[in-house]
């Protein structure tokens, strides 16, 4: 842990155009995505439609397609794209010296919301 940030591992551990998940004790699982241009985003791991596991979806640019019904979710905002409506909570994330860090308070908030 680095102050207000939790170190969740090396950027290299997240596949390009893929995701890994972080379990939160008593809370919602977090999906951490790495795009083709090496940007990193974190969302609660559920689609706003039918709660599909977004971490199992396909990453296209800065969006992920839900594996259940193909809803496209913006990795930057968590909002459904196109005609679909809904939002998945985002978690602040950053990369420092090749390590991926998520905001500690936001991660804890998923436990309080569950």
C-alpha atoms as a PDB file:
ATOM      1  CA  UNK A   1       0.000   0.000   0.000  1.00  0.00           C
ATOM      2  CA  UNK A   2       1.250   3.478  -0.872  1.00  0.00           C
ATOM      3  CA  UNK A   3      -0.723   5.962   1.270  1.00  0.00           C
ATOM      4  CA  UNK A   4      -4.197   6.264  -0.172  1.00  0.00           C
ATOM      5  CA  UNK A   5      -3.422   3.763  -2.955  1.00  0.00           C
ATOM      6  CA  UNK A   6      -3.360  -0.051  -2.910  1.00  0.00           C
ATOM      7  CA  UNK A   7      -0.696  -1.777  -5.005  1.00  0.00           C
ATOM      8  CA  UNK A   8      -2.464  -4.611  -6.827  1.00  0.00           C
ATOM      9  CA  UNK A   9       0.428  -5.855  -8.944  1.00  0.00           C
ATOM     10  CA  UNK A  10       2.534  -5.225 -12.008  1.00  0.00           C
ATOM     11  CA  UNK A  11       1.041  -3.786 -15.193  1.00  0.00           C
ATOM     12  CA  UNK A  12       2.609  -6.734 -17.050  1.00  0.00           C
ATOM     13  CA  UNK A  13       0.326  -9.106 -15.079  1.00  0.00           C
ATOM     14  CA  UNK A  14      -2.732  -7.689 -16.862  1.00  0.00           C
ATOM     15  CA  UNK A  15      -2.971  -8.874 -20.475  1.00  0.00           C
ATOM     16  CA  UNK A  16      -3.230  -6.209 -23.177  1.00  0.00           C
ATOM     17  CA  UNK A  17      -6.916  -5.822 -24.143  1.00  0.00           C
ATOM     18  CA  UNK A  18      -7.815  -7.905 -21.101  1.00  0.00           C
ATOM     19  CA  UNK A  19      -8.562  -7.739 -17.394  1.00  0.00           C
ATOM     20  CA  UNK A  20      -7.866  -9.202 -14.002  1.00  0.00           C
ATOM     21  CA  UNK A  21     -10.112  -9.136 -10.982  1.00  0.00           C
ATOM     22  CA  UNK A  22      -9.586  -8.026  -7.409  1.00  0.00           C
ATOM     23  CA  UNK A  23     -11.693  -9.579  -4.660  1.00  0.00           C
ATOM     24  CA  UNK A  24     -12.910  -7.121  -2.018  1.00  0.00           C
ATOM     25  CA  UNK A  25     -13.751  -8.746   1.311  1.00  0.00           C
ATOM     26  CA  UNK A  26     -17.452  -8.205   1.917  1.00  0.00           C
ATOM     27  CA  UNK A  27     -17.794  -6.129  -1.229  1.00  0.00           C
ATOM     28  CA  UNK A  28     -18.070  -6.078  -4.993  1.00  0.00           C
ATOM     29  CA  UNK A  29     -15.313  -7.571  -7.110  1.00  0.00           C
ATOM     30  CA  UNK A  30     -13.269  -5.012  -9.056  1.00  0.00           C
ATOM     31  CA  UNK A  31     -12.179  -5.542 -12.676  1.00  0.00           C
ATOM     32  CA  UNK A  32      -8.944  -3.858 -13.752  1.00  0.00           C
ATOM     33  CA  UNK A  33      -8.601  -3.457 -17.525  1.00  0.00           C
ATOM     34  CA  UNK A  34      -5.568  -2.807 -19.710  1.00  0.00           C
ATOM     35  CA  UNK A  35      -6.232  -1.400 -23.163  1.00  0.00           C
ATOM     36  CA  UNK A  36      -4.193  -1.911 -26.320  1.00  0.00           C
ATOM     37  CA  UNK A  37      -2.542   1.484 -25.760  1.00  0.00           C
ATOM     38  CA  UNK A  38      -1.558   0.459 -22.188  1.00  0.00           C
ATOM     39  CA  UNK A  39      -4.107   2.655 -20.413  1.00  0.00           C
ATOM     40  CA  UNK A  40      -5.526   1.124 -17.231  1.00  0.00           C
ATOM     41  CA  UNK A  41      -9.089   1.454 -15.934  1.00  0.00           C
ATOM     42  CA  UNK A  42     -10.968  -0.106 -13.011  1.00  0.00           C
ATOM     43  CA  UNK A  43     -14.704  -0.759 -12.684  1.00  0.00           C
ATOM     44  CA  UNK A  44     -16.938  -2.728 -10.384  1.00  0.00           C
ATOM     45  CA  UNK A  45     -17.070  -6.103 -12.153  1.00  0.00           C
ATOM     46  CA  UNK A  46     -20.726  -6.072 -13.177  1.00  0.00           C
ATOM     47  CA  UNK A  47     -22.669  -4.797 -16.142  1.00  0.00           C
ATOM     48  CA  UNK A  48     -25.507  -2.405 -15.238  1.00  0.00           C
ATOM     49  CA  UNK A  49     -27.912  -4.471 -17.374  1.00  0.00           C
ATOM     50  CA  UNK A  50     -27.950  -8.043 -16.034  1.00  0.00           C
ATOM     51  CA  UNK A  51     -24.814  -7.868 -13.849  1.00  0.00           C
ATOM     52  CA  UNK A  52     -22.633  -9.838 -16.286  1.00  0.00           C
ATOM     53  CA  UNK A  53     -18.940 -10.134 -15.354  1.00  0.00           C
ATOM     54  CA  UNK A  54     -17.307  -7.335 -17.351  1.00  0.00           C
ATOM     55  CA  UNK A  55     -13.843  -8.810 -16.738  1.00  0.00           C
ATOM     56  CA  UNK A  56     -14.825 -11.657 -19.086  1.00  0.00           C
ATOM     57  CA  UNK A  57     -15.809  -9.252 -21.881  1.00  0.00           C
ATOM     58  CA  UNK A  58     -13.835  -8.168 -24.922  1.00  0.00           C
ATOM     59  CA  UNK A  59     -11.970  -4.856 -24.693  1.00  0.00           C
ATOM     60  CA  UNK A  60     -12.285  -2.646 -27.791  1.00  0.00           C
ATOM     61  CA  UNK A  61     -10.461   0.679 -27.540  1.00  0.00           C
ATOM     62  CA  UNK A  62     -11.578   2.196 -24.235  1.00  0.00           C
ATOM     63  CA  UNK A  63     -14.757   0.132 -23.880  1.00  0.00           C
ATOM     64  CA  UNK A  64     -15.621  -3.414 -22.866  1.00  0.00           C
ATOM     65  CA  UNK A  65     -18.431  -5.560 -24.282  1.00  0.00           C
ATOM     66  CA  UNK A  66     -20.420  -7.410 -21.630  1.00  0.00           C
ATOM     67  CA  UNK A  67     -20.210 -11.168 -22.261  1.00  0.00           C
ATOM     68  CA  UNK A  68     -23.929 -11.697 -21.541  1.00  0.00           C
ATOM     69  CA  UNK A  69     -25.740  -9.324 -23.897  1.00  0.00           C
ATOM     70  CA  UNK A  70     -22.964  -7.371 -25.635  1.00  0.00           C
ATOM     71  CA  UNK A  71     -23.675  -4.049 -23.922  1.00  0.00           C
ATOM     72  CA  UNK A  72     -20.675  -1.772 -24.455  1.00  0.00           C
ATOM     73  CA  UNK A  73     -19.444  -0.040 -21.305  1.00  0.00           C
ATOM     74  CA  UNK A  74     -17.022   2.910 -21.331  1.00  0.00           C
ATOM     75  CA  UNK A  75     -13.933   2.073 -19.307  1.00  0.00           C
ATOM     76  CA  UNK A  76     -13.405   5.777 -18.619  1.00  0.00           C
ATOM     77  CA  UNK A  77     -16.854   6.644 -17.264  1.00  0.00           C
ATOM     78  CA  UNK A  78     -18.599   3.313 -16.601  1.00  0.00           C
ATOM     79  CA  UNK A  79     -21.580   4.483 -18.712  1.00  0.00           C
ATOM     80  CA  UNK A  80     -23.313   2.209 -21.215  1.00  0.00           C
ATOM     81  CA  UNK A  81     -22.667   3.334 -24.778  1.00  0.00           C
ATOM     82  CA  UNK A  82     -25.061   3.679 -27.691  1.00  0.00           C
ATOM     83  CA  UNK A  83     -28.776   3.163 -27.060  1.00  0.00           C
ATOM     84  CA  UNK A  84     -28.249   1.297 -23.786  1.00  0.00           C
ATOM     85  CA  UNK A  85     -28.692   3.083 -20.458  1.00  0.00           C
ATOM     86  CA  UNK A  86     -26.971   2.442 -17.154  1.00  0.00           C
ATOM     87  CA  UNK A  87     -23.685   2.938 -15.357  1.00  0.00           C
ATOM     88  CA  UNK A  88     -21.129   0.794 -13.584  1.00  0.00           C
ATOM     89  CA  UNK A  89     -19.139   2.446 -10.767  1.00  0.00           C
ATOM     90  CA  UNK A  90     -15.548   3.341 -11.647  1.00  0.00           C
ATOM     91  CA  UNK A  91     -12.568   3.025  -9.322  1.00  0.00           C
ATOM     92  CA  UNK A  92      -9.666   5.517  -9.561  1.00  0.00           C
ATOM     93  CA  UNK A  93      -6.556   3.731 -10.827  1.00  0.00           C
ATOM     94  CA  UNK A  94      -3.043   4.767 -11.780  1.00  0.00           C
ATOM     95  CA  UNK A  95       0.253   3.221 -12.842  1.00  0.00           C
ATOM     96  CA  UNK A  96       3.442   4.148 -11.004  1.00  0.00           C
ATOM     97  CA  UNK A  97       6.810   2.641 -11.979  1.00  0.00           C
ATOM     98  CA  UNK A  98       5.064  -0.288 -13.685  1.00  0.00           C
ATOM     99  CA  UNK A  99       2.835  -1.029 -10.672  1.00  0.00           C
ATOM    100  CA  UNK A 100      -0.963  -0.728 -10.817  1.00  0.00           C
ATOM    101  CA  UNK A 101      -2.540   1.145  -7.914  1.00  0.00           C
ATOM    102  CA  UNK A 102      -6.224   1.555  -7.064  1.00  0.00           C
ATOM    103  CA  UNK A 103      -7.715   4.137  -4.716  1.00  0.00           C
ATOM    104  CA  UNK A 104      -8.028   2.565  -1.278  1.00  0.00           C
ATOM    105  CA  UNK A 105     -11.151   4.494  -0.254  1.00  0.00           C
ATOM    106  CA  UNK A 106     -12.974   3.658  -3.491  1.00  0.00           C
ATOM    107  CA  UNK A 107     -12.146  -0.039  -3.057  1.00  0.00           C
ATOM    108  CA  UNK A 108     -13.421   0.062   0.523  1.00  0.00           C
ATOM    109  CA  UNK A 109     -16.574   1.849  -0.634  1.00  0.00           C
ATOM    110  CA  UNK A 110     -17.493  -1.213  -2.728  1.00  0.00           C
ATOM    111  CA  UNK A 111     -17.593  -3.214   0.511  1.00  0.00           C
ATOM    112  CA  UNK A 112     -19.813  -0.630   2.209  1.00  0.00           C
ATOM    113  CA  UNK A 113     -22.192  -0.542  -0.777  1.00  0.00           C
ATOM    114  CA  UNK A 114     -22.583  -4.318  -0.970  1.00  0.00           C
END
